[in-house]
Each structure stands twice: as C-alpha cells, then as structure tokens.
Amino acid sequence: MSECRLNAYRIMWLFVFFDLPVTTKRERKIASDFRKDLLKDGFVMMQFSVYIRHCASYESLVVHKKRVKIAMPITGKISMLAVTDKQYGEIETIFGKAAKKEIKAPIQLEFF
C-alpha cells in the first residue's frame, strides 16, 4: 500500500500555459510551431493554450521543462506548473449544458 501511495506522489504532470502573440502571419506560424513542438514531445492539448504531459518521475519532468524552454518563442509568455499524480487526481471538471443548435425550419415557398 505504501508503495502505491509513494508512486502517486512521485509521478508528475507538467502543465504548460501560454499566451503568444498572433497578430501577424509570422507570429501565428511561430505559435503554431510551438504547439506542434509540444505535441511532438508528448504533450496533449487540454485547452487551446493549455497542454499537459505525464512524466513518470521528477527527472523526466525536468527534461521536458528544458525542452519547453528550448522551444519557447522569443516573444510571448509561458508558464509551467508541475503537480503530482495525487494532485492531478483531485482535478474537478465541470461541464455545463451543451448549447443547443437552433434548428431552422425549412423555407416555405409560396407560389401564387
């Protein structure tokens, strides 16, 4: 039991949050390339500018943090947050009601 508990504190999750400029075509390309680099490194998109990656150990986490720093664009802001698997398990995700699509009635053509 204690080994299982120890693992829940040793396994890590790395969150990367970013706000990159995307006003020009070049900036959009740079931001897109950064997202692609994250995906190549095993991150998954949680939200558009929030990516997460499972790390089997703290040492693995350090490696992936370095890779994010290397891939970081010159401009913009990136934040990284490391949490244990135990903390990650405490995340609550709440979904609101899905927006209903407005169903348009077919157009009725009247002929006189």
PDB file of N, CA and C in Angstrom:
ATOM      1  N   MET A   1       0.821  -1.192   0.000  1.00  0.00           N
ATOM      2  CA  MET A   1       0.000   0.000   0.000  1.00  0.00           C
ATOM      3  C   MET A   1       0.862   1.251   0.000  1.00  0.00           C
ATOM      4  N   SER A   2       1.939   1.262   0.808  1.00  0.00           N
ATOM      5  CA  SER A   2       2.781   2.458   0.888  1.00  0.00           C
ATOM      6  C   SER A   2       3.504   2.701  -0.433  1.00  0.00           C
ATOM      7  N   GLU A   3       3.841   1.616  -1.168  1.00  0.00           N
ATOM      8  CA  GLU A   3       4.499   1.782  -2.465  1.00  0.00           C
ATOM      9  C   GLU A   3       3.558   2.463  -3.460  1.00  0.00           C
ATOM     10  N   CYS A   4       2.301   2.065  -3.450  1.00  0.00           N
ATOM     11  CA  CYS A   4       1.310   2.679  -4.327  1.00  0.00           C
ATOM     12  C   CYS A   4       1.134   4.155  -3.965  1.00  0.00           C
ATOM     13  N   ARG A   5       1.114   4.446  -2.682  1.00  0.00           N
ATOM     14  CA  ARG A   5       0.963   5.824  -2.223  1.00  0.00           C
ATOM     15  C   ARG A   5       2.172   6.646  -2.613  1.00  0.00           C
ATOM     16  N   LEU A   6       3.361   6.084  -2.481  1.00  0.00           N
ATOM     17  CA  LEU A   6       4.591   6.779  -2.867  1.00  0.00           C
ATOM     18  C   LEU A   6       4.557   7.115  -4.349  1.00  0.00           C
ATOM     19  N   ASN A   7       4.091   6.193  -5.184  1.00  0.00           N
ATOM     20  CA  ASN A   7       4.036   6.444  -6.616  1.00  0.00           C
ATOM     21  C   ASN A   7       3.108   7.601  -6.956  1.00  0.00           C
ATOM     22  N   ALA A   8       2.025   7.735  -6.237  1.00  0.00           N
ATOM     23  CA  ALA A   8       1.084   8.822  -6.508  1.00  0.00           C
ATOM     24  C   ALA A   8       1.727  10.182  -6.269  1.00  0.00           C
ATOM     25  N   TYR A   9       2.768  10.209  -5.446  1.00  0.00           N
ATOM     26  CA  TYR A   9       3.466  11.459  -5.187  1.00  0.00           C
ATOM     27  C   TYR A   9       4.716  11.610  -6.048  1.00  0.00           C
ATOM     28  N   ARG A  10       5.187  10.524  -6.621  1.00  0.00           N
ATOM     29  CA  ARG A  10       6.404  10.572  -7.438  1.00  0.00           C
ATOM     30  C   ARG A  10       6.079  10.842  -8.911  1.00  0.00           C
ATOM     31  N   ILE A  11       5.000  10.305  -9.391  1.00  0.00           N
ATOM     32  CA  ILE A  11       4.587  10.531 -10.781  1.00  0.00           C
ATOM     33  C   ILE A  11       4.132  11.972 -10.903  1.00  0.00           C
ATOM     34  N   MET A  12       4.538  12.632 -11.979  1.00  0.00           N
ATOM     35  CA  MET A  12       4.269  14.062 -12.121  1.00  0.00           C
ATOM     36  C   MET A  12       3.483  14.355 -13.395  1.00  0.00           C
ATOM     37  N   TRP A  13       2.806  15.479 -13.390  1.00  0.00           N
ATOM     38  CA  TRP A  13       2.128  16.026 -14.556  1.00  0.00           C
ATOM     39  C   TRP A  13       2.667  17.427 -14.771  1.00  0.00           C
ATOM     40  N   LEU A  14       3.009  17.745 -16.004  1.00  0.00           N
ATOM     41  CA  LEU A  14       3.520  19.063 -16.334  1.00  0.00           C
ATOM     42  C   LEU A  14       2.480  19.803 -17.167  1.00  0.00           C
ATOM     43  N   PHE A  15       2.028  20.929 -16.660  1.00  0.00           N
ATOM     44  CA  PHE A  15       1.098  21.799 -17.372  1.00  0.00           C
ATOM     45  C   PHE A  15       1.898  22.934 -17.999  1.00  0.00           C
ATOM     46  N   VAL A  16       1.603  23.248 -19.253  1.00  0.00           N
ATOM     47  CA  VAL A  16       2.202  24.393 -19.920  1.00  0.00           C
ATOM     48  C   VAL A  16       1.064  25.305 -20.366  1.00  0.00           C
ATOM     49  N   PHE A  17       1.085  26.526 -19.860  1.00  0.00           N
ATOM     50  CA  PHE A  17       0.092  27.542 -20.217  1.00  0.00           C
ATOM     51  C   PHE A  17       0.826  28.610 -21.019  1.00  0.00           C
ATOM     52  N   PHE A  18       0.245  29.084 -22.091  1.00  0.00           N
ATOM     53  CA  PHE A  18       0.952  30.114 -22.838  1.00  0.00           C
ATOM     54  C   PHE A  18       0.015  31.132 -23.450  1.00  0.00           C
ATOM     55  N   ASP A  19       0.572  32.317 -23.629  1.00  0.00           N
ATOM     56  CA  ASP A  19      -0.114  33.423 -24.272  1.00  0.00           C
ATOM     57  C   ASP A  19       0.897  34.008 -25.255  1.00  0.00           C
ATOM     58  N   LEU A  20       0.762  33.645 -26.506  1.00  0.00           N
ATOM     59  CA  LEU A  20       1.708  34.073 -27.532  1.00  0.00           C
ATOM     60  C   LEU A  20       1.039  35.068 -28.467  1.00  0.00           C
ATOM     61  N   PRO A  21       1.808  36.044 -28.949  1.00  0.00           N
ATOM     62  CA  PRO A  21       1.218  36.998 -29.893  1.00  0.00           C
ATOM     63  C   PRO A  21       0.862  36.308 -31.207  1.00  0.00           C
ATOM     64  N   VAL A  22      -0.298  36.658 -31.756  1.00  0.00           N
ATOM     65  CA  VAL A  22      -0.751  36.050 -33.012  1.00  0.00           C
ATOM     66  C   VAL A  22      -1.376  37.102 -33.932  1.00  0.00           C
ATOM     67  N   THR A  23      -0.828  38.316 -33.910  1.00  0.00           N
ATOM     68  CA  THR A  23      -1.421  39.388 -34.714  1.00  0.00           C
ATOM     69  C   THR A  23      -0.950  39.382 -36.157  1.00  0.00           C
ATOM     70  N   THR A  24       0.233  38.834 -36.407  1.00  0.00           N
ATOM     71  CA  THR A  24       0.731  38.773 -37.789  1.00  0.00           C
ATOM     72  C   THR A  24       0.795  37.320 -38.238  1.00  0.00           C
ATOM     73  N   LYS A  25       0.923  37.144 -39.527  1.00  0.00           N
ATOM     74  CA  LYS A  25       1.017  35.789 -40.088  1.00  0.00           C
ATOM     75  C   LYS A  25       2.259  35.071 -39.536  1.00  0.00           C
ATOM     76  N   ARG A  26       3.349  35.789 -39.415  1.00  0.00           N
ATOM     77  CA  ARG A  26       4.593  35.205 -38.882  1.00  0.00           C
ATOM     78  C   ARG A  26       4.406  34.777 -37.424  1.00  0.00           C
ATOM     79  N   GLU A  27       3.752  35.620 -36.610  1.00  0.00           N
ATOM     80  CA  GLU A  27       3.510  35.265 -35.207  1.00  0.00           C
ATOM     81  C   GLU A  27       2.606  34.048 -35.093  1.00  0.00           C
ATOM     82  N   ARG A  28       1.605  33.960 -35.948  1.00  0.00           N
ATOM     83  CA  ARG A  28       0.724  32.783 -35.932  1.00  0.00           C
ATOM     84  C   ARG A  28       1.503  31.517 -36.268  1.00  0.00           C
ATOM     85  N   LYS A  29       2.421  31.607 -37.213  1.00  0.00           N
ATOM     86  CA  LYS A  29       3.247  30.446 -37.588  1.00  0.00           C
ATOM     87  C   LYS A  29       4.140  30.033 -36.417  1.00  0.00           C
ATOM     88  N   ILE A  30       4.738  31.021 -35.763  1.00  0.00           N
ATOM     89  CA  ILE A  30       5.616  30.721 -34.621  1.00  0.00           C
ATOM     90  C   ILE A  30       4.814  30.047 -33.508  1.00  0.00           C
ATOM     91  N   ALA A  31       3.622  30.558 -33.207  1.00  0.00           N
ATOM     92  CA  ALA A  31       2.771  29.961 -32.172  1.00  0.00           C
ATOM     93  C   ALA A  31       2.353  28.544 -32.563  1.00  0.00           C
ATOM     94  N   SER A  32       2.018  28.364 -33.821  1.00  0.00           N
ATOM     95  CA  SER A  32       1.631  27.040 -34.310  1.00  0.00           C
ATOM     96  C   SER A  32       2.795  26.060 -34.208  1.00  0.00           C
ATOM     97  N   ASP A  33       3.988  26.511 -34.564  1.00  0.00           N
ATOM     98  CA  ASP A  33       5.175  25.649 -34.463  1.00  0.00           C
ATOM     99  C   ASP A  33       5.450  25.268 -33.006  1.00  0.00           C
ATOM    100  N   PHE A  34       5.234  26.201 -32.093  1.00  0.00           N
ATOM    101  CA  PHE A  34       5.426  25.903 -30.674  1.00  0.00           C
ATOM    102  C   PHE A  34       4.451  24.821 -30.222  1.00  0.00           C
ATOM    103  N   ARG A  35       3.185  24.948 -30.613  1.00  0.00           N
ATOM    104  CA  ARG A  35       2.196  23.921 -30.255  1.00  0.00           C
ATOM    105  C   ARG A  35       2.580  22.566 -30.851  1.00  0.00           C
ATOM    106  N   LYS A  36       3.063  22.569 -32.093  1.00  0.00           N
ATOM    107  CA  LYS A  36       3.485  21.313 -32.725  1.00  0.00           C
ATOM    108  C   LYS A  36       4.668  20.701 -31.983  1.00  0.00           C
ATOM    109  N   ASP A  37       5.597  21.547 -31.501  1.00  0.00           N
ATOM    110  CA  ASP A  37       6.734  21.044 -30.719  1.00  0.00           C
ATOM    111  C   ASP A  37       6.254  20.377 -29.431  1.00  0.00           C
ATOM    112  N   LEU A  38       5.258  20.967 -28.794  1.00  0.00           N
ATOM    113  CA  LEU A  38       4.709  20.368 -27.575  1.00  0.00           C
ATOM    114  C   LEU A  38       4.100  18.996 -27.882  1.00  0.00           C
ATOM    115  N   LEU A  39       3.348  18.918 -28.962  1.00  0.00           N
ATOM    116  CA  LEU A  39       2.729  17.641 -29.340  1.00  0.00           C
ATOM    117  C   LEU A  39       3.786  16.586 -29.649  1.00  0.00           C
ATOM    118  N   LYS A  40       4.860  16.979 -30.342  1.00  0.00           N
ATOM    119  CA  LYS A  40       5.950  16.037 -30.651  1.00  0.00           C
ATOM    120  C   LYS A  40       6.616  15.527 -29.385  1.00  0.00           C
ATOM    121  N   ASP A  41       6.615  16.353 -28.330  1.00  0.00           N
ATOM    122  CA  ASP A  41       7.248  15.970 -27.068  1.00  0.00           C
ATOM    123  C   ASP A  41       6.297  15.200 -26.153  1.00  0.00           C
ATOM    124  N   GLY A  42       5.120  14.851 -26.649  1.00  0.00           N
ATOM    125  CA  GLY A  42       4.218  14.010 -25.875  1.00  0.00           C
ATOM    126  C   GLY A  42       3.171  14.756 -25.075  1.00  0.00           C
ATOM    127  N   PHE A  43       3.080  16.058 -25.236  1.00  0.00           N
ATOM    128  CA  PHE A  43       2.030  16.818 -24.562  1.00  0.00           C
ATOM    129  C   PHE A  43       0.716  16.595 -25.298  1.00  0.00           C
ATOM    130  N   VAL A  44      -0.379  16.769 -24.586  1.00  0.00           N
ATOM    131  CA  VAL A  44      -1.697  16.735 -25.196  1.00  0.00           C
ATOM    132  C   VAL A  44      -2.398  18.051 -24.866  1.00  0.00           C
ATOM    133  N   MET A  45      -3.247  18.480 -25.785  1.00  0.00           N
ATOM    134  CA  MET A  45      -3.949  19.737 -25.593  1.00  0.00           C
ATOM    135  C   MET A  45      -5.125  19.529 -24.648  1.00  0.00           C
ATOM    136  N   MET A  46      -5.130  20.283 -23.567  1.00  0.00           N
ATOM    137  CA  MET A  46      -6.244  20.250 -22.621  1.00  0.00           C
ATOM    138  C   MET A  46      -7.243  21.343 -23.004  1.00  0.00           C
ATOM    139  N   GLN A  47      -6.729  22.499 -23.357  1.00  0.00           N
ATOM    140  CA  GLN A  47      -7.480  23.609 -23.927  1.00  0.00           C
ATOM    141  C   GLN A  47      -6.545  24.230 -24.948  1.00  0.00           C
ATOM    142  N   PHE A  48      -7.017  25.216 -25.703  1.00  0.00           N
ATOM    143  CA  PHE A  48      -6.212  25.722 -26.814  1.00  0.00           C
ATOM    144  C   PHE A  48      -4.810  26.165 -26.388  1.00  0.00           C
ATOM    145  N   SER A  49      -4.658  26.840 -25.282  1.00  0.00           N
ATOM    146  CA  SER A  49      -3.334  27.282 -24.856  1.00  0.00           C
ATOM    147  C   SER A  49      -2.900  26.634 -23.539  1.00  0.00           C
ATOM    148  N   VAL A  50      -3.433  25.453 -23.271  1.00  0.00           N
ATOM    149  CA  VAL A  50      -3.052  24.676 -22.090  1.00  0.00           C
ATOM    150  C   VAL A  50      -2.747  23.255 -22.544  1.00  0.00           C
ATOM    151  N   TYR A  51      -1.515  22.837 -22.323  1.00  0.00           N
ATOM    152  CA  TYR A  51      -1.086  21.493 -22.710  1.00  0.00           C
ATOM    153  C   TYR A  51      -0.570  20.777 -21.469  1.00  0.00           C
ATOM    154  N   ILE A  52      -0.761  19.458 -21.415  1.00  0.00           N
ATOM    155  CA  ILE A  52      -0.297  18.674 -20.271  1.00  0.00           C
ATOM    156  C   ILE A  52       0.498  17.472 -20.753  1.00  0.00           C
ATOM    157  N   ARG A  53       1.397  17.012 -19.877  1.00  0.00           N
ATOM    158  CA  ARG A  53       2.191  15.830 -20.189  1.00  0.00           C
ATOM    159  C   ARG A  53       2.408  15.034 -18.920  1.00  0.00           C
ATOM    160  N   HIS A  54       2.239  13.736 -19.028  1.00  0.00           N
ATOM    161  CA  HIS A  54       2.518  12.800 -17.937  1.00  0.00           C
ATOM    162  C   HIS A  54       4.018  12.558 -17.888  1.00  0.00           C
ATOM    163  N   CYS A  55       4.591  12.622 -16.711  1.00  0.00           N
ATOM    164  CA  CYS A  55       6.019  12.333 -16.520  1.00  0.00           C
ATOM    165  C   CYS A  55       6.134  11.255 -15.449  1.00  0.00           C
ATOM    166  N   ALA A  56       6.814  10.181 -15.766  1.00  0.00           N
ATOM    167  CA  ALA A  56       6.898   9.037 -14.857  1.00  0.00           C
ATOM    168  C   ALA A  56       7.722   9.324 -13.603  1.00  0.00           C
ATOM    169  N   SER A  57       8.517  10.389 -13.641  1.00  0.00           N
ATOM    170  CA  SER A  57       9.347  10.728 -12.490  1.00  0.00           C
ATOM    171  C   SER A  57       9.679  12.216 -12.520  1.00  0.00           C
ATOM    172  N   TYR A  58      10.235  12.688 -11.424  1.00  0.00           N
ATOM    173  CA  TYR A  58      10.645  14.089 -11.364  1.00  0.00           C
ATOM    174  C   TYR A  58      11.762  14.357 -12.374  1.00  0.00           C
ATOM    175  N   GLU A  59      12.639  13.392 -12.553  1.00  0.00           N
ATOM    176  CA  GLU A  59      13.739  13.549 -13.509  1.00  0.00           C
ATOM    177  C   GLU A  59      13.209  13.731 -14.929  1.00  0.00           C
ATOM    178  N   SER A  60      12.183  12.973 -15.269  1.00  0.00           N
ATOM    179  CA  SER A  60      11.542  13.111 -16.580  1.00  0.00           C
ATOM    180  C   SER A  60      10.917  14.498 -16.715  1.00  0.00           C
ATOM    181  N   LEU A  61      10.306  14.977 -15.654  1.00  0.00           N
ATOM    182  CA  LEU A  61       9.700  16.309 -15.651  1.00  0.00           C
ATOM    183  C   LEU A  61      10.746  17.381 -15.957  1.00  0.00           C
ATOM    184  N   VAL A  62      11.908  17.275 -15.350  1.00  0.00           N
ATOM    185  CA  VAL A  62      12.984  18.248 -15.573  1.00  0.00           C
ATOM    186  C   VAL A  62      13.395  18.266 -17.043  1.00  0.00           C
ATOM    187  N   VAL A  63      13.491  17.103 -17.658  1.00  0.00           N
ATOM    188  CA  VAL A  63      13.849  17.001 -19.077  1.00  0.00           C
ATOM    189  C   VAL A  63      12.829  17.724 -19.945  1.00  0.00           C
ATOM    190  N   HIS A  64      11.553  17.510 -19.682  1.00  0.00           N
ATOM    191  CA  HIS A  64      10.511  18.107 -20.517  1.00  0.00           C
ATOM    192  C   HIS A  64      10.382  19.612 -20.279  1.00  0.00           C
ATOM    193  N   LYS A  65      10.664  20.073 -19.066  1.00  0.00           N
ATOM    194  CA  LYS A  65      10.678  21.513 -18.811  1.00  0.00           C
ATOM    195  C   LYS A  65      11.787  22.176 -19.632  1.00  0.00           C
ATOM    196  N   LYS A  66      12.947  21.525 -19.702  1.00  0.00           N
ATOM    197  CA  LYS A  66      14.056  22.066 -20.504  1.00  0.00           C
ATOM    198  C   LYS A  66      13.676  22.132 -21.975  1.00  0.00           C
ATOM    199  N   ARG A  67      12.977  21.101 -22.472  1.00  0.00           N
ATOM    200  CA  ARG A  67      12.562  21.090 -23.879  1.00  0.00           C
ATOM    201  C   ARG A  67      11.576  22.225 -24.185  1.00  0.00           C
ATOM    202  N   VAL A  68      10.670  22.499 -23.240  1.00  0.00           N
ATOM    203  CA  VAL A  68       9.728  23.603 -23.434  1.00  0.00           C
ATOM    204  C   VAL A  68      10.490  24.922 -23.502  1.00  0.00           C
ATOM    205  N   LYS A  69      11.464  25.093 -22.624  1.00  0.00           N
ATOM    206  CA  LYS A  69      12.261  26.324 -22.618  1.00  0.00           C
ATOM    207  C   LYS A  69      13.028  26.502 -23.920  1.00  0.00           C
ATOM    208  N   ILE A  70      13.521  25.412 -24.477  1.00  0.00           N
ATOM    209  CA  ILE A  70      14.250  25.479 -25.753  1.00  0.00           C
ATOM    210  C   ILE A  70      13.308  25.841 -26.896  1.00  0.00           C
ATOM    211  N   ALA A  71      12.095  25.309 -26.873  1.00  0.00           N
ATOM    212  CA  ALA A  71      11.138  25.544 -27.957  1.00  0.00           C
ATOM    213  C   ALA A  71      10.416  26.883 -27.834  1.00  0.00           C
ATOM    214  N   MET A  72      10.554  27.549 -26.701  1.00  0.00           N
ATOM    215  CA  MET A  72       9.807  28.788 -26.464  1.00  0.00           C
ATOM    216  C   MET A  72      10.133  29.853 -27.499  1.00  0.00           C
ATOM    217  N   PRO A  73       9.092  30.481 -28.065  1.00  0.00           N
ATOM    218  CA  PRO A  73       9.312  31.600 -28.977  1.00  0.00           C
ATOM    219  C   PRO A  73       9.941  32.791 -28.243  1.00  0.00           C
ATOM    220  N   ILE A  74      10.521  33.695 -28.993  1.00  0.00           N
ATOM    221  CA  ILE A  74      11.189  34.855 -28.402  1.00  0.00           C
ATOM    222  C   ILE A  74      10.199  35.760 -27.677  1.00  0.00           C
ATOM    223  N   THR A  75       9.010  35.921 -28.244  1.00  0.00           N
ATOM    224  CA  THR A  75       8.008  36.777 -27.617  1.00  0.00           C
ATOM    225  C   THR A  75       6.894  35.929 -27.024  1.00  0.00           C
ATOM    226  N   GLY A  76       6.144  36.510 -26.113  1.00  0.00           N
ATOM    227  CA  GLY A  76       5.032  35.802 -25.501  1.00  0.00           C
ATOM    228  C   GLY A  76       5.340  35.402 -24.078  1.00  0.00           C
ATOM    229  N   LYS A  77       4.399  34.727 -23.475  1.00  0.00           N
ATOM    230  CA  LYS A  77       4.518  34.320 -22.080  1.00  0.00           C
ATOM    231  C   LYS A  77       4.162  32.845 -21.956  1.00  0.00           C
ATOM    232  N   ILE A  78       5.005  32.114 -21.245  1.00  0.00           N
ATOM    233  CA  ILE A  78       4.756  30.696 -20.996  1.00  0.00           C
ATOM    234  C   ILE A  78       4.900  30.451 -19.500  1.00  0.00           C
ATOM    235  N   SER A  79       3.958  29.731 -18.926  1.00  0.00           N
ATOM    236  CA  SER A  79       4.028  29.326 -17.527  1.00  0.00           C
ATOM    237  C   SER A  79       3.995  27.812 -17.475  1.00  0.00           C
ATOM    238  N   MET A  80       4.737  27.242 -16.538  1.00  0.00           N
ATOM    239  CA  MET A  80       4.732  25.801 -16.351  1.00  0.00           C
ATOM    240  C   MET A  80       4.370  25.499 -14.901  1.00  0.00           C
ATOM    241  N   LEU A  81       3.564  24.468 -14.726  1.00  0.00           N
ATOM    242  CA  LEU A  81       3.138  24.050 -13.401  1.00  0.00           C
ATOM    243  C   LEU A  81       3.313  22.543 -13.308  1.00  0.00           C
ATOM    244  N   ALA A  82       4.020  22.105 -12.281  1.00  0.00           N
ATOM    245  CA  ALA A  82       4.203  20.672 -12.043  1.00  0.00           C
ATOM    246  C   ALA A  82       3.335  20.261 -10.869  1.00  0.00           C
ATOM    247  N   VAL A  83       2.582  19.192 -11.045  1.00  0.00           N
ATOM    248  CA  VAL A  83       1.766  18.652  -9.957  1.00  0.00           C
ATOM    249  C   VAL A  83       1.999  17.143  -9.874  1.00  0.00           C
ATOM    250  N   THR A  84       1.807  16.612  -8.696  1.00  0.00           N
ATOM    251  CA  THR A  84       1.946  15.169  -8.533  1.00  0.00           C
ATOM    252  C   THR A  84       0.718  14.475  -9.102  1.00  0.00           C
ATOM    253  N   ASP A  85       0.845  13.189  -9.321  1.00  0.00           N
ATOM    254  CA  ASP A  85      -0.289  12.411  -9.811  1.00  0.00           C
ATOM    255  C   ASP A  85      -1.444  12.468  -8.811  1.00  0.00           C
ATOM    256  N   LYS A  86      -1.112  12.512  -7.538  1.00  0.00           N
ATOM    257  CA  LYS A  86      -2.122  12.610  -6.485  1.00  0.00           C
ATOM    258  C   LYS A  86      -2.892  13.926  -6.621  1.00  0.00           C
ATOM    259  N   GLN A  87      -2.181  15.033  -6.833  1.00  0.00           N
ATOM    260  CA  GLN A  87      -2.830  16.330  -7.010  1.00  0.00           C
ATOM    261  C   GLN A  87      -3.642  16.360  -8.303  1.00  0.00           C
ATOM    262  N   TYR A  88      -3.098  15.773  -9.352  1.00  0.00           N
ATOM    263  CA  TYR A  88      -3.803  15.731 -10.638  1.00  0.00           C
ATOM    264  C   TYR A  88      -5.134  14.991 -10.497  1.00  0.00           C
ATOM    265  N   GLY A  89      -5.128  13.959  -9.682  1.00  0.00           N
ATOM    266  CA  GLY A  89      -6.346  13.182  -9.454  1.00  0.00           C
ATOM    267  C   GLY A  89      -7.436  13.970  -8.758  1.00  0.00           C
ATOM    268  N   GLU A  90      -7.085  15.101  -8.159  1.00  0.00           N
ATOM    269  CA  GLU A  90      -8.061  15.933  -7.454  1.00  0.00           C
ATOM    270  C   GLU A  90      -8.717  16.969  -8.365  1.00  0.00           C
ATOM    271  N   ILE A  91      -8.345  17.015  -9.642  1.00  0.00           N
ATOM    272  CA  ILE A  91      -8.938  17.974 -10.575  1.00  0.00           C
ATOM    273  C   ILE A  91     -10.419  17.659 -10.740  1.00  0.00           C
ATOM    274  N   GLU A  92     -11.227  18.677 -10.644  1.00  0.00           N
ATOM    275  CA  GLU A  92     -12.661  18.525 -10.899  1.00  0.00           C
ATOM    276  C   GLU A  92     -12.969  19.207 -12.218  1.00  0.00           C
ATOM    277  N   THR A  93     -13.581  18.487 -13.116  1.00  0.00           N
ATOM    278  CA  THR A  93     -14.003  19.053 -14.387  1.00  0.00           C
ATOM    279  C   THR A  93     -15.516  19.120 -14.385  1.00  0.00           C
ATOM    280  N   ILE A  94     -16.021  20.300 -14.639  1.00  0.00           N
ATOM    281  CA  ILE A  94     -17.458  20.516 -14.620  1.00  0.00           C
ATOM    282  C   ILE A  94     -17.899  20.945 -16.010  1.00  0.00           C
ATOM    283  N   PHE A  95     -18.905  20.281 -16.522  1.00  0.00           N
ATOM    284  CA  PHE A  95     -19.427  20.607 -17.837  1.00  0.00           C
ATOM    285  C   PHE A  95     -20.796  21.267 -17.683  1.00  0.00           C
ATOM    286  N   GLY A  96     -20.983  22.360 -18.374  1.00  0.00           N
ATOM    287  CA  GLY A  96     -22.298  22.990 -18.409  1.00  0.00           C
ATOM    288  C   GLY A  96     -23.149  22.299 -19.451  1.00  0.00           C
ATOM    289  N   LYS A  97     -24.362  22.733 -19.555  1.00  0.00           N
ATOM    290  CA  LYS A  97     -25.247  22.171 -20.570  1.00  0.00           C
ATOM    291  C   LYS A  97     -24.710  22.532 -21.944  1.00  0.00           C
ATOM    292  N   ALA A  98     -24.817  21.600 -22.846  1.00  0.00           N
ATOM    293  CA  ALA A  98     -24.379  21.860 -24.214  1.00  0.00           C
ATOM    294  C   ALA A  98     -25.346  22.832 -24.863  1.00  0.00           C
ATOM    295  N   ALA A  99     -24.785  23.757 -25.588  1.00  0.00           N
ATOM    296  CA  ALA A  99     -25.636  24.716 -26.296  1.00  0.00           C
ATOM    297  C   ALA A  99     -26.384  23.983 -27.391  1.00  0.00           C
ATOM    298  N   LYS A 100     -27.668  24.220 -27.451  1.00  0.00           N
ATOM    299  CA  LYS A 100     -28.469  23.572 -28.486  1.00  0.00           C
ATOM    300  C   LYS A 100     -28.387  24.393 -29.759  1.00  0.00           C
ATOM    301  N   LYS A 101     -28.196  23.704 -30.840  1.00  0.00           N
ATOM    302  CA  LYS A 101     -28.190  24.390 -32.126  1.00  0.00           C
ATOM    303  C   LYS A 101     -29.611  24.784 -32.472  1.00  0.00           C
ATOM    304  N   GLU A 102     -29.715  25.976 -32.957  1.00  0.00           N
ATOM    305  CA  GLU A 102     -31.035  26.438 -33.370  1.00  0.00           C
ATOM    306  C   GLU A 102     -31.386  25.754 -34.679  1.00  0.00           C
ATOM    307  N   ILE A 103     -32.488  25.043 -34.661  1.00  0.00           N
ATOM    308  CA  ILE A 103     -32.916  24.331 -35.861  1.00  0.00           C
ATOM    309  C   ILE A 103     -33.809  25.264 -36.663  1.00  0.00           C
ATOM    310  N   LYS A 104     -33.356  25.523 -37.835  1.00  0.00           N
ATOM    311  CA  LYS A 104     -34.134  26.410 -38.695  1.00  0.00           C
ATOM    312  C   LYS A 104     -35.143  25.584 -39.482  1.00  0.00           C
ATOM    313  N   ALA A 105     -36.329  26.090 -39.494  1.00  0.00           N
ATOM    314  CA  ALA A 105     -37.373  25.411 -40.263  1.00  0.00           C
ATOM    315  C   ALA A 105     -37.070  25.585 -41.747  1.00  0.00           C
ATOM    316  N   PRO A 106     -37.395  24.588 -42.535  1.00  0.00           N
ATOM    317  CA  PRO A 106     -37.152  24.728 -43.971  1.00  0.00           C
ATOM    318  C   PRO A 106     -37.953  25.905 -44.523  1.00  0.00           C
ATOM    319  N   ILE A 107     -37.383  26.533 -45.492  1.00  0.00           N
ATOM    320  CA  ILE A 107     -38.032  27.684 -46.106  1.00  0.00           C
ATOM    321  C   ILE A 107     -39.272  27.219 -46.862  1.00  0.00           C
ATOM    322  N   GLN A 108     -40.351  27.858 -46.565  1.00  0.00           N
ATOM    323  CA  GLN A 108     -41.602  27.539 -47.257  1.00  0.00           C
ATOM    324  C   GLN A 108     -41.791  28.541 -48.402  1.00  0.00           C
ATOM    325  N   LEU A 109     -41.815  28.054 -49.570  1.00  0.00           N
ATOM    326  CA  LEU A 109     -42.048  28.922 -50.722  1.00  0.00           C
ATOM    327  C   LEU A 109     -43.517  28.880 -51.071  1.00  0.00           C
ATOM    328  N   GLU A 110     -44.060  30.045 -51.234  1.00  0.00           N
ATOM    329  CA  GLU A 110     -45.462  30.123 -51.611  1.00  0.00           C
ATOM    330  C   GLU A 110     -45.560  30.592 -53.064  1.00  0.00           C
ATOM    331  N   PHE A 111     -46.299  29.894 -53.806  1.00  0.00           N
ATOM    332  CA  PHE A 111     -46.493  30.273 -55.199  1.00  0.00           C
ATOM    333  C   PHE A 111     -47.919  30.770 -55.371  1.00  0.00           C
ATOM    334  N   PHE A 112     -48.068  31.852 -55.999  1.00  0.00           N
ATOM    335  CA  PHE A 112     -49.413  32.418 -56.227  1.00  0.00           C
ATOM    336  C   PHE A 112     -49.882  32.125 -57.609  1.00  0.00           C
TER     337      PHE A 112
END
